[in-house]
Amino acid sequence: MTRYGMAIDLTVCLNCRACMVACKTEHQISTGKHNGHEYYRMGVLEHEKGKYPKVKRIFAPILCMQCDNAPCIDVCPTDAIYRREDGIVIIDKEKCNGCKLCIQVCPYNALYFNEENNNVDKCDFCTERLDQGLEPACVATCMSRAIVFGDLDNPDSEISKMIERNDVKPDRPLYPSYFSQIFKPSVYYTEAVKP
C-alpha cells in the first residue's frame, strides 16, 4: 500500500517561487488578487529569524499538509472532501457546495475559496499527474530539489531516506509543533539554517 507524502528542505529553498508558478499553471489558477485574496494551492511563507548581525530569512513553500486526522473531511456536509487509498486528501468540486466550513477548521489555512468556480480548492499533490505516473508540478519544477515527493511507507523511497537523514519533522514553520501530534500531517520540513 502506498502512502504519499512530501518533504521540503528549507536549507536549499531558493525562494525562486517556481513551485508556486508551476502549481498555478498546472491547475489554471488565476494570478493576482481577487477581493484582496490571492488564490493558491501552494504559496511561499517568508520569515526573518534572529537578530542583527545574525539574521536569516526563511522561505518555506506551504501547501495542504495532507493530515491523517483531517478536520476538513470530518466537517464537510456533502462528503466533497475525502481521502484516496494512497492517503491523499482531495476535494470533489462537483460535490462542493461552497459552504466554506472546511476553510474555517483547517489549522494550516491551506484551503481557499475560488470565487470564479464557487468552490473550495487546495493542494492534492497533483493527483491527475500522479495517476499518469508523473511527479507533482512543484516537485518537477524545483531547481534546487528542495521538494521531495514519494511513498512514506517505503523505506527505500527518497522521501523516507530524506526524513531519516535530515531529522525532518511534520511541523510547518511558525506553527505550533503540537499541531503535528494532533493532525498528523504528511508534509515534512527540515529546520532552516540557523542565523
N, C-alpha and C. Protein backbone atom coordinates (compact mmCIF):
# COMPACT_ATOMS: atom_id res chain seq x y z
N MET A 1 0.84 -1.19 0.00
CA MET A 1 0.00 0.00 0.00
C MET A 1 0.88 1.25 0.00
N THR A 2 0.53 2.20 -0.78
CA THR A 2 1.29 3.44 -0.89
C THR A 2 0.66 4.51 -0.01
N ARG A 3 1.50 5.30 0.65
CA ARG A 3 1.03 6.46 1.42
C ARG A 3 1.94 7.62 1.06
N TYR A 4 1.42 8.53 0.24
CA TYR A 4 2.23 9.62 -0.29
C TYR A 4 2.46 10.73 0.73
N GLY A 5 3.62 11.35 0.61
CA GLY A 5 3.96 12.50 1.43
C GLY A 5 4.98 13.36 0.70
N MET A 6 5.31 14.48 1.32
CA MET A 6 6.24 15.43 0.74
C MET A 6 7.18 15.92 1.83
N ALA A 7 8.43 16.13 1.48
CA ALA A 7 9.41 16.70 2.40
C ALA A 7 10.05 17.91 1.73
N ILE A 8 10.20 18.99 2.48
CA ILE A 8 10.74 20.23 1.95
C ILE A 8 11.97 20.62 2.75
N ASP A 9 13.09 20.72 2.06
CA ASP A 9 14.36 21.06 2.69
C ASP A 9 14.54 22.58 2.64
N LEU A 10 14.30 23.22 3.77
CA LEU A 10 14.37 24.68 3.82
C LEU A 10 15.79 25.21 3.71
N THR A 11 16.77 24.35 3.89
CA THR A 11 18.16 24.80 3.79
C THR A 11 18.58 25.04 2.35
N VAL A 12 17.83 24.51 1.40
CA VAL A 12 18.20 24.69 -0.01
C VAL A 12 17.13 25.42 -0.83
N CYS A 13 16.00 25.78 -0.21
CA CYS A 13 14.96 26.54 -0.93
C CYS A 13 15.52 27.90 -1.32
N LEU A 14 15.40 28.25 -2.60
CA LEU A 14 15.97 29.49 -3.14
C LEU A 14 14.97 30.65 -3.17
N ASN A 15 13.73 30.40 -2.82
CA ASN A 15 12.66 31.38 -2.94
C ASN A 15 12.48 31.84 -4.39
N CYS A 16 12.70 30.94 -5.32
CA CYS A 16 12.51 31.28 -6.73
C CYS A 16 11.03 31.29 -7.10
N ARG A 17 10.23 30.63 -6.28
CA ARG A 17 8.77 30.54 -6.47
C ARG A 17 8.38 29.78 -7.73
N ALA A 18 9.29 29.01 -8.27
CA ALA A 18 8.96 28.18 -9.43
C ALA A 18 7.87 27.18 -9.07
N CYS A 19 7.88 26.69 -7.83
CA CYS A 19 6.86 25.74 -7.38
C CYS A 19 5.47 26.37 -7.43
N MET A 20 5.39 27.61 -6.98
CA MET A 20 4.11 28.32 -6.95
C MET A 20 3.61 28.60 -8.37
N VAL A 21 4.52 29.02 -9.25
CA VAL A 21 4.15 29.30 -10.64
C VAL A 21 3.72 28.02 -11.34
N ALA A 22 4.48 26.93 -11.11
CA ALA A 22 4.14 25.65 -11.73
C ALA A 22 2.77 25.18 -11.27
N CYS A 23 2.48 25.36 -10.01
CA CYS A 23 1.18 24.96 -9.45
C CYS A 23 0.05 25.76 -10.09
N LYS A 24 0.22 27.07 -10.15
CA LYS A 24 -0.83 27.92 -10.76
C LYS A 24 -1.04 27.57 -12.23
N THR A 25 0.05 27.30 -12.92
CA THR A 25 -0.04 26.96 -14.34
C THR A 25 -0.72 25.61 -14.53
N GLU A 26 -0.28 24.62 -13.77
CA GLU A 26 -0.82 23.26 -13.88
C GLU A 26 -2.33 23.23 -13.63
N HIS A 27 -2.78 24.01 -12.67
CA HIS A 27 -4.18 23.96 -12.25
C HIS A 27 -5.00 25.14 -12.76
N GLN A 28 -4.40 25.93 -13.63
CA GLN A 28 -5.07 27.07 -14.26
C GLN A 28 -5.71 27.98 -13.21
N ILE A 29 -4.90 28.35 -12.22
CA ILE A 29 -5.35 29.23 -11.15
C ILE A 29 -5.03 30.66 -11.53
N SER A 30 -5.99 31.54 -11.37
CA SER A 30 -5.81 32.94 -11.74
C SER A 30 -4.67 33.56 -10.93
N THR A 31 -3.92 34.44 -11.58
CA THR A 31 -2.86 35.16 -10.88
C THR A 31 -3.42 36.46 -10.32
N GLY A 32 -2.69 37.08 -9.44
CA GLY A 32 -3.14 38.33 -8.84
C GLY A 32 -4.12 38.09 -7.72
N LYS A 33 -4.63 39.18 -7.18
CA LYS A 33 -5.54 39.10 -6.05
C LYS A 33 -6.97 39.31 -6.49
N HIS A 34 -7.88 38.65 -5.81
CA HIS A 34 -9.30 38.75 -6.09
C HIS A 34 -9.99 39.06 -4.77
N ASN A 35 -10.62 40.22 -4.70
CA ASN A 35 -11.24 40.69 -3.46
C ASN A 35 -10.25 40.64 -2.29
N GLY A 36 -9.01 41.03 -2.59
CA GLY A 36 -7.98 41.12 -1.55
C GLY A 36 -7.29 39.82 -1.21
N HIS A 37 -7.66 38.71 -1.84
CA HIS A 37 -7.05 37.41 -1.54
C HIS A 37 -6.40 36.84 -2.79
N GLU A 38 -5.25 36.23 -2.58
CA GLU A 38 -4.60 35.55 -3.69
C GLU A 38 -4.99 34.08 -3.65
N TYR A 39 -5.34 33.55 -4.80
CA TYR A 39 -5.68 32.13 -4.89
C TYR A 39 -4.39 31.33 -5.02
N TYR A 40 -4.22 30.32 -4.23
CA TYR A 40 -3.09 29.43 -4.42
C TYR A 40 -3.31 28.10 -3.73
N ARG A 41 -2.81 27.07 -4.36
CA ARG A 41 -2.74 25.75 -3.76
C ARG A 41 -1.41 25.63 -3.01
N MET A 42 -0.40 26.31 -3.54
CA MET A 42 0.92 26.35 -2.90
C MET A 42 1.38 27.79 -2.86
N GLY A 43 1.82 28.22 -1.69
CA GLY A 43 2.35 29.56 -1.53
C GLY A 43 3.76 29.47 -0.96
N VAL A 44 4.36 30.63 -0.69
CA VAL A 44 5.68 30.67 -0.07
C VAL A 44 5.62 31.59 1.13
N LEU A 45 5.90 31.03 2.29
CA LEU A 45 5.95 31.78 3.54
C LEU A 45 7.33 32.41 3.67
N GLU A 46 7.39 33.69 4.02
CA GLU A 46 8.66 34.37 4.25
C GLU A 46 8.72 34.82 5.69
N HIS A 47 9.88 34.60 6.32
CA HIS A 47 10.03 34.95 7.74
C HIS A 47 11.49 35.24 8.04
N GLU A 48 11.72 36.29 8.82
CA GLU A 48 13.07 36.59 9.28
C GLU A 48 13.26 36.03 10.67
N LYS A 49 14.45 35.44 10.88
CA LYS A 49 14.74 34.80 12.15
C LYS A 49 16.09 35.32 12.65
N GLY A 50 16.19 35.60 13.93
CA GLY A 50 17.45 36.06 14.51
C GLY A 50 17.48 37.56 14.64
N LYS A 51 18.62 38.04 15.14
CA LYS A 51 18.83 39.48 15.33
C LYS A 51 20.13 39.89 14.66
N TYR A 52 20.16 41.13 14.25
CA TYR A 52 21.35 41.66 13.60
C TYR A 52 22.55 41.46 14.51
N PRO A 53 23.67 40.99 14.03
CA PRO A 53 24.05 40.80 12.63
C PRO A 53 23.79 39.38 12.12
N LYS A 54 23.20 38.54 12.96
CA LYS A 54 22.96 37.14 12.56
C LYS A 54 21.48 36.96 12.23
N VAL A 55 21.12 37.41 11.06
CA VAL A 55 19.73 37.33 10.61
C VAL A 55 19.64 36.34 9.46
N LYS A 56 18.62 35.51 9.49
CA LYS A 56 18.39 34.54 8.42
C LYS A 56 16.97 34.74 7.92
N ARG A 57 16.83 34.82 6.62
CA ARG A 57 15.50 34.92 6.03
C ARG A 57 15.10 33.52 5.60
N ILE A 58 13.96 33.09 6.07
CA ILE A 58 13.48 31.74 5.81
C ILE A 58 12.38 31.81 4.75
N PHE A 59 12.48 30.95 3.76
CA PHE A 59 11.45 30.81 2.73
C PHE A 59 10.92 29.39 2.83
N ALA A 60 9.63 29.25 2.97
CA ALA A 60 9.05 27.92 3.13
C ALA A 60 7.85 27.74 2.20
N PRO A 61 7.96 26.86 1.21
CA PRO A 61 6.77 26.53 0.42
C PRO A 61 5.71 25.95 1.34
N ILE A 62 4.50 26.44 1.23
CA ILE A 62 3.40 25.96 2.08
C ILE A 62 2.26 25.45 1.21
N LEU A 63 1.61 24.40 1.69
CA LEU A 63 0.54 23.75 0.95
C LEU A 63 -0.32 22.96 1.93
N CYS A 64 -1.30 22.26 1.42
CA CYS A 64 -2.11 21.39 2.27
C CYS A 64 -1.18 20.37 2.92
N MET A 65 -1.32 20.17 4.21
CA MET A 65 -0.43 19.27 4.95
C MET A 65 -0.87 17.81 4.85
N GLN A 66 -1.97 17.53 4.16
CA GLN A 66 -2.43 16.16 3.93
C GLN A 66 -2.48 15.38 5.26
N CYS A 67 -3.22 15.91 6.20
CA CYS A 67 -3.29 15.36 7.57
C CYS A 67 -3.97 13.98 7.60
N ASP A 68 -3.43 13.11 8.43
CA ASP A 68 -4.10 11.82 8.68
C ASP A 68 -5.39 12.06 9.46
N ASN A 69 -5.37 13.01 10.38
CA ASN A 69 -6.58 13.41 11.12
C ASN A 69 -7.05 14.75 10.55
N ALA A 70 -7.64 14.70 9.39
CA ALA A 70 -8.02 15.92 8.66
C ALA A 70 -9.39 16.42 9.08
N PRO A 71 -9.44 17.56 9.79
CA PRO A 71 -10.74 18.09 10.21
C PRO A 71 -11.61 18.52 9.03
N CYS A 72 -10.99 18.84 7.90
CA CYS A 72 -11.78 19.26 6.73
C CYS A 72 -12.68 18.13 6.24
N ILE A 73 -12.19 16.89 6.35
CA ILE A 73 -13.00 15.73 5.93
C ILE A 73 -14.20 15.59 6.87
N ASP A 74 -13.94 15.70 8.16
CA ASP A 74 -14.99 15.49 9.16
C ASP A 74 -16.11 16.51 9.08
N VAL A 75 -15.78 17.74 8.72
CA VAL A 75 -16.77 18.82 8.77
C VAL A 75 -17.55 18.99 7.46
N CYS A 76 -17.07 18.41 6.37
CA CYS A 76 -17.72 18.62 5.07
C CYS A 76 -19.11 18.00 5.04
N PRO A 77 -20.17 18.81 4.86
CA PRO A 77 -21.54 18.29 4.89
C PRO A 77 -21.95 17.52 3.63
N THR A 78 -21.19 17.65 2.55
CA THR A 78 -21.56 16.99 1.29
C THR A 78 -20.62 15.84 0.93
N ASP A 79 -19.69 15.51 1.82
CA ASP A 79 -18.68 14.48 1.56
C ASP A 79 -17.85 14.79 0.32
N ALA A 80 -17.67 16.09 0.05
CA ALA A 80 -16.86 16.50 -1.10
C ALA A 80 -15.37 16.31 -0.82
N ILE A 81 -14.99 16.32 0.45
CA ILE A 81 -13.59 16.13 0.82
C ILE A 81 -13.43 14.71 1.35
N TYR A 82 -12.50 14.00 0.76
CA TYR A 82 -12.29 12.60 1.17
C TYR A 82 -10.84 12.21 0.95
N ARG A 83 -10.47 11.04 1.46
CA ARG A 83 -9.11 10.54 1.33
C ARG A 83 -9.08 9.39 0.33
N ARG A 84 -8.13 9.48 -0.61
CA ARG A 84 -7.92 8.38 -1.54
C ARG A 84 -7.21 7.23 -0.83
N GLU A 85 -7.14 6.10 -1.48
CA GLU A 85 -6.47 4.94 -0.90
C GLU A 85 -4.99 5.19 -0.65
N ASP A 86 -4.38 6.10 -1.42
CA ASP A 86 -2.97 6.41 -1.24
C ASP A 86 -2.73 7.49 -0.18
N GLY A 87 -3.79 7.86 0.54
CA GLY A 87 -3.67 8.81 1.64
C GLY A 87 -3.88 10.26 1.29
N ILE A 88 -4.02 10.58 0.01
CA ILE A 88 -4.16 11.97 -0.40
C ILE A 88 -5.58 12.47 -0.16
N VAL A 89 -5.68 13.63 0.49
CA VAL A 89 -6.98 14.27 0.75
C VAL A 89 -7.30 15.16 -0.45
N ILE A 90 -8.45 14.89 -1.06
CA ILE A 90 -8.84 15.67 -2.24
C ILE A 90 -10.25 16.22 -2.09
N ILE A 91 -10.58 17.15 -2.97
CA ILE A 91 -11.91 17.77 -2.99
C ILE A 91 -12.59 17.43 -4.31
N ASP A 92 -13.79 16.87 -4.23
CA ASP A 92 -14.62 16.64 -5.41
C ASP A 92 -15.38 17.94 -5.65
N LYS A 93 -14.94 18.70 -6.64
CA LYS A 93 -15.51 20.02 -6.87
C LYS A 93 -16.97 19.95 -7.32
N GLU A 94 -17.39 18.81 -7.86
CA GLU A 94 -18.79 18.64 -8.25
C GLU A 94 -19.70 18.56 -7.03
N LYS A 95 -19.17 18.01 -5.92
CA LYS A 95 -19.96 17.88 -4.70
C LYS A 95 -19.86 19.09 -3.78
N CYS A 96 -18.79 19.89 -3.93
CA CYS A 96 -18.57 21.03 -3.04
C CYS A 96 -19.69 22.05 -3.21
N ASN A 97 -20.32 22.44 -2.09
CA ASN A 97 -21.40 23.42 -2.16
C ASN A 97 -20.94 24.83 -1.80
N GLY A 98 -19.64 24.99 -1.53
CA GLY A 98 -19.09 26.31 -1.25
C GLY A 98 -19.43 26.85 0.12
N CYS A 99 -19.75 25.98 1.09
CA CYS A 99 -20.15 26.45 2.42
C CYS A 99 -18.97 27.00 3.23
N LYS A 100 -17.75 26.63 2.89
CA LYS A 100 -16.50 27.12 3.50
C LYS A 100 -16.25 26.62 4.92
N LEU A 101 -16.98 25.63 5.38
CA LEU A 101 -16.73 25.09 6.72
C LEU A 101 -15.32 24.51 6.82
N CYS A 102 -14.88 23.87 5.76
CA CYS A 102 -13.53 23.27 5.76
C CYS A 102 -12.45 24.33 5.92
N ILE A 103 -12.66 25.48 5.32
CA ILE A 103 -11.69 26.57 5.42
C ILE A 103 -11.57 27.01 6.88
N GLN A 104 -12.71 27.07 7.56
CA GLN A 104 -12.72 27.53 8.94
C GLN A 104 -12.03 26.57 9.90
N VAL A 105 -12.07 25.27 9.62
CA VAL A 105 -11.49 24.30 10.57
C VAL A 105 -10.06 23.90 10.23
N CYS A 106 -9.56 24.25 9.05
CA CYS A 106 -8.20 23.85 8.69
C CYS A 106 -7.20 24.58 9.57
N PRO A 107 -6.41 23.85 10.36
CA PRO A 107 -5.46 24.52 11.25
C PRO A 107 -4.29 25.17 10.52
N TYR A 108 -4.08 24.81 9.26
CA TYR A 108 -2.94 25.32 8.49
C TYR A 108 -3.33 26.36 7.45
N ASN A 109 -4.57 26.78 7.43
CA ASN A 109 -5.05 27.75 6.43
C ASN A 109 -4.67 27.33 5.02
N ALA A 110 -4.88 26.07 4.71
CA ALA A 110 -4.42 25.51 3.44
C ALA A 110 -5.50 25.45 2.36
N LEU A 111 -6.71 25.82 2.69
CA LEU A 111 -7.79 25.79 1.71
C LEU A 111 -8.18 27.22 1.35
N TYR A 112 -8.67 27.41 0.14
CA TYR A 112 -9.14 28.73 -0.25
C TYR A 112 -10.43 28.59 -1.05
N PHE A 113 -11.21 29.64 -1.05
CA PHE A 113 -12.46 29.65 -1.79
C PHE A 113 -12.23 30.31 -3.15
N ASN A 114 -12.48 29.57 -4.20
CA ASN A 114 -12.33 30.07 -5.55
C ASN A 114 -13.66 30.68 -5.99
N GLU A 115 -13.70 32.00 -5.98
CA GLU A 115 -14.95 32.70 -6.30
C GLU A 115 -15.38 32.50 -7.75
N GLU A 116 -14.41 32.29 -8.63
CA GLU A 116 -14.73 32.08 -10.04
C GLU A 116 -15.51 30.79 -10.24
N ASN A 117 -15.13 29.75 -9.48
CA ASN A 117 -15.77 28.44 -9.63
C ASN A 117 -16.78 28.14 -8.53
N ASN A 118 -16.85 29.02 -7.53
CA ASN A 118 -17.77 28.87 -6.40
C ASN A 118 -17.55 27.55 -5.64
N ASN A 119 -16.27 27.21 -5.44
CA ASN A 119 -15.98 26.02 -4.64
C ASN A 119 -14.63 26.20 -3.94
N VAL A 120 -14.36 25.28 -3.03
CA VAL A 120 -13.12 25.31 -2.26
C VAL A 120 -12.06 24.50 -3.02
N ASP A 121 -10.82 24.94 -2.90
CA ASP A 121 -9.73 24.25 -3.57
C ASP A 121 -8.53 24.18 -2.63
N LYS A 122 -7.60 23.28 -2.93
CA LYS A 122 -6.39 23.12 -2.14
C LYS A 122 -5.45 22.20 -2.89
N CYS A 123 -4.23 22.06 -2.37
CA CYS A 123 -3.27 21.14 -2.95
C CYS A 123 -3.74 19.70 -2.78
N ASP A 124 -3.59 18.92 -3.85
CA ASP A 124 -3.90 17.49 -3.77
C ASP A 124 -2.74 16.67 -4.33
N PHE A 125 -1.52 17.23 -4.21
CA PHE A 125 -0.31 16.57 -4.72
C PHE A 125 -0.43 16.28 -6.22
N CYS A 126 -1.21 17.08 -6.93
CA CYS A 126 -1.39 16.90 -8.39
C CYS A 126 -1.81 15.46 -8.71
N THR A 127 -2.91 15.03 -8.13
CA THR A 127 -3.36 13.65 -8.32
C THR A 127 -3.54 13.29 -9.79
N GLU A 128 -3.95 14.24 -10.62
CA GLU A 128 -4.12 13.94 -12.04
C GLU A 128 -2.77 13.62 -12.69
N ARG A 129 -1.70 14.25 -12.23
CA ARG A 129 -0.35 13.94 -12.72
C ARG A 129 0.12 12.59 -12.16
N LEU A 130 -0.13 12.37 -10.87
CA LEU A 130 0.27 11.10 -10.25
C LEU A 130 -0.36 9.92 -10.97
N ASP A 131 -1.64 10.06 -11.31
CA ASP A 131 -2.35 8.98 -11.99
C ASP A 131 -1.78 8.70 -13.38
N GLN A 132 -0.99 9.64 -13.91
CA GLN A 132 -0.31 9.44 -15.20
C GLN A 132 1.14 9.02 -15.01
N GLY A 133 1.54 8.79 -13.75
CA GLY A 133 2.91 8.38 -13.47
C GLY A 133 3.90 9.53 -13.39
N LEU A 134 3.41 10.77 -13.25
CA LEU A 134 4.27 11.95 -13.19
C LEU A 134 4.37 12.47 -11.75
N GLU A 135 5.40 13.24 -11.48
CA GLU A 135 5.55 13.90 -10.18
C GLU A 135 4.61 15.09 -10.09
N PRO A 136 4.31 15.56 -8.87
CA PRO A 136 3.57 16.83 -8.74
C PRO A 136 4.34 17.95 -9.46
N ALA A 137 3.62 18.92 -9.97
CA ALA A 137 4.23 20.00 -10.75
C ALA A 137 5.30 20.74 -9.95
N CYS A 138 5.07 20.98 -8.68
CA CYS A 138 6.05 21.71 -7.87
C CYS A 138 7.35 20.94 -7.73
N VAL A 139 7.27 19.64 -7.60
CA VAL A 139 8.47 18.79 -7.45
C VAL A 139 9.25 18.79 -8.76
N ALA A 140 8.55 18.63 -9.87
CA ALA A 140 9.20 18.58 -11.17
C ALA A 140 9.89 19.88 -11.52
N THR A 141 9.42 21.00 -10.95
CA THR A 141 9.94 22.32 -11.29
C THR A 141 11.02 22.81 -10.35
N CYS A 142 11.12 22.26 -9.16
CA CYS A 142 12.04 22.77 -8.13
C CYS A 142 13.49 22.61 -8.58
N MET A 143 14.16 23.74 -8.82
CA MET A 143 15.54 23.74 -9.33
C MET A 143 16.53 23.21 -8.31
N SER A 144 16.30 23.48 -7.04
CA SER A 144 17.27 23.09 -6.01
C SER A 144 16.96 21.72 -5.42
N ARG A 145 15.90 21.08 -5.92
CA ARG A 145 15.46 19.77 -5.40
C ARG A 145 15.13 19.87 -3.90
N ALA A 146 14.60 21.02 -3.51
CA ALA A 146 14.22 21.21 -2.11
C ALA A 146 12.95 20.44 -1.78
N ILE A 147 12.14 20.12 -2.79
CA ILE A 147 10.88 19.43 -2.58
C ILE A 147 11.01 17.99 -3.04
N VAL A 148 10.78 17.07 -2.14
CA VAL A 148 10.88 15.64 -2.43
C VAL A 148 9.52 15.01 -2.18
N PHE A 149 9.09 14.15 -3.09
CA PHE A 149 7.78 13.52 -3.00
C PHE A 149 7.94 12.01 -3.13
N GLY A 150 7.11 11.26 -2.40
CA GLY A 150 7.18 9.82 -2.55
C GLY A 150 6.36 9.07 -1.53
N ASP A 151 6.62 7.77 -1.45
CA ASP A 151 5.88 6.86 -0.58
C ASP A 151 6.51 6.84 0.81
N LEU A 152 5.75 7.31 1.78
CA LEU A 152 6.24 7.35 3.16
C LEU A 152 6.39 5.96 3.77
N ASP A 153 5.67 4.99 3.24
CA ASP A 153 5.72 3.63 3.78
C ASP A 153 6.81 2.77 3.15
N ASN A 154 7.49 3.31 2.16
CA ASN A 154 8.58 2.58 1.51
C ASN A 154 9.92 3.08 2.07
N PRO A 155 10.61 2.28 2.89
CA PRO A 155 11.86 2.75 3.49
C PRO A 155 12.96 3.04 2.48
N ASP A 156 12.82 2.54 1.26
CA ASP A 156 13.82 2.78 0.22
C ASP A 156 13.50 4.00 -0.64
N SER A 157 12.35 4.66 -0.41
CA SER A 157 12.00 5.83 -1.20
C SER A 157 12.87 7.01 -0.81
N GLU A 158 13.03 7.94 -1.74
CA GLU A 158 13.87 9.12 -1.50
C GLU A 158 13.35 9.93 -0.32
N ILE A 159 12.02 10.04 -0.20
CA ILE A 159 11.45 10.83 0.89
C ILE A 159 11.73 10.17 2.24
N SER A 160 11.60 8.85 2.32
CA SER A 160 11.87 8.16 3.58
C SER A 160 13.33 8.33 3.99
N LYS A 161 14.22 8.24 3.02
CA LYS A 161 15.65 8.42 3.30
C LYS A 161 15.94 9.85 3.74
N MET A 162 15.27 10.83 3.10
CA MET A 162 15.48 12.23 3.46
C MET A 162 15.00 12.50 4.88
N ILE A 163 13.85 11.94 5.21
CA ILE A 163 13.30 12.14 6.55
C ILE A 163 14.23 11.56 7.60
N GLU A 164 14.74 10.38 7.32
CA GLU A 164 15.65 9.73 8.27
C GLU A 164 16.98 10.46 8.36
N ARG A 165 17.52 10.89 7.24
CA ARG A 165 18.85 11.51 7.18
C ARG A 165 18.87 12.93 7.74
N ASN A 166 17.80 13.69 7.55
CA ASN A 166 17.82 15.12 7.87
C ASN A 166 17.01 15.51 9.09
N ASP A 167 16.56 14.57 9.86
CA ASP A 167 15.74 14.90 11.02
C ASP A 167 14.58 15.82 10.59
N VAL A 168 13.87 15.39 9.56
CA VAL A 168 12.75 16.15 9.03
C VAL A 168 11.53 15.90 9.91
N LYS A 169 10.76 16.96 10.15
CA LYS A 169 9.60 16.86 11.03
C LYS A 169 8.34 17.33 10.31
N PRO A 170 7.19 16.80 10.70
CA PRO A 170 5.94 17.24 10.08
C PRO A 170 5.41 18.52 10.74
N ASP A 171 6.27 19.50 10.88
CA ASP A 171 5.90 20.77 11.51
C ASP A 171 6.09 21.90 10.50
N ARG A 172 5.00 22.59 10.18
CA ARG A 172 5.12 23.73 9.27
C ARG A 172 5.80 24.87 10.03
N PRO A 173 6.72 25.58 9.38
CA PRO A 173 7.38 26.70 10.06
C PRO A 173 6.39 27.71 10.61
N LEU A 174 6.68 28.18 11.79
CA LEU A 174 5.91 29.20 12.52
C LEU A 174 4.60 28.68 13.10
N TYR A 175 4.33 27.39 12.97
CA TYR A 175 3.13 26.81 13.55
C TYR A 175 3.52 26.02 14.79
N PRO A 176 2.62 25.92 15.78
CA PRO A 176 2.96 25.16 16.99
C PRO A 176 3.27 23.69 16.66
N SER A 177 4.30 23.15 17.29
CA SER A 177 4.71 21.78 16.99
C SER A 177 3.67 20.75 17.44
N TYR A 178 2.82 21.10 18.41
CA TYR A 178 1.80 20.14 18.84
C TYR A 178 0.74 19.90 17.77
N PHE A 179 0.65 20.79 16.77
CA PHE A 179 -0.28 20.55 15.67
C PHE A 179 0.00 19.21 15.01
N SER A 180 1.30 18.90 14.83
CA SER A 180 1.65 17.66 14.14
C SER A 180 1.24 16.43 14.94
N GLN A 181 1.21 16.55 16.27
CA GLN A 181 0.77 15.43 17.10
C GLN A 181 -0.73 15.21 16.99
N ILE A 182 -1.46 16.29 16.79
CA ILE A 182 -2.93 16.20 16.70
C ILE A 182 -3.38 15.79 15.30
N PHE A 183 -2.86 16.48 14.29
CA PHE A 183 -3.38 16.31 12.93
C PHE A 183 -2.57 15.32 12.08
N LYS A 184 -1.36 15.00 12.49
CA LYS A 184 -0.51 14.01 11.82
C LYS A 184 -0.35 14.29 10.32
N PRO A 185 0.30 15.41 9.98
CA PRO A 185 0.48 15.76 8.57
C PRO A 185 1.44 14.83 7.83
N SER A 186 1.30 14.82 6.51
CA SER A 186 2.17 14.03 5.63
C SER A 186 3.13 14.91 4.85
N VAL A 187 3.24 16.17 5.25
CA VAL A 187 4.21 17.10 4.67
C VAL A 187 5.22 17.43 5.76
N TYR A 188 6.51 17.27 5.42
CA TYR A 188 7.59 17.42 6.39
C TYR A 188 8.50 18.57 5.98
N TYR A 189 9.14 19.18 6.98
CA TYR A 189 10.08 20.27 6.74
C TYR A 189 11.38 20.01 7.51
N THR A 190 12.50 20.42 6.90
CA THR A 190 13.74 20.44 7.65
C THR A 190 13.80 21.76 8.41
N GLU A 191 14.68 21.82 9.38
CA GLU A 191 14.95 23.10 10.03
C GLU A 191 15.67 23.99 9.04
N ALA A 192 15.35 25.27 9.09
CA ALA A 192 16.11 26.20 8.26
C ALA A 192 17.49 26.39 8.88
N VAL A 193 18.41 26.88 8.10
CA VAL A 193 19.76 27.13 8.61
C VAL A 193 19.69 28.14 9.74
N LYS A 194 20.38 27.89 10.81
CA LYS A 194 20.36 28.80 11.95
C LYS A 194 21.10 30.10 11.59
N PRO A 195 20.60 31.23 12.11
CA PRO A 195 21.25 32.51 11.79
C PRO A 195 22.64 32.59 12.43
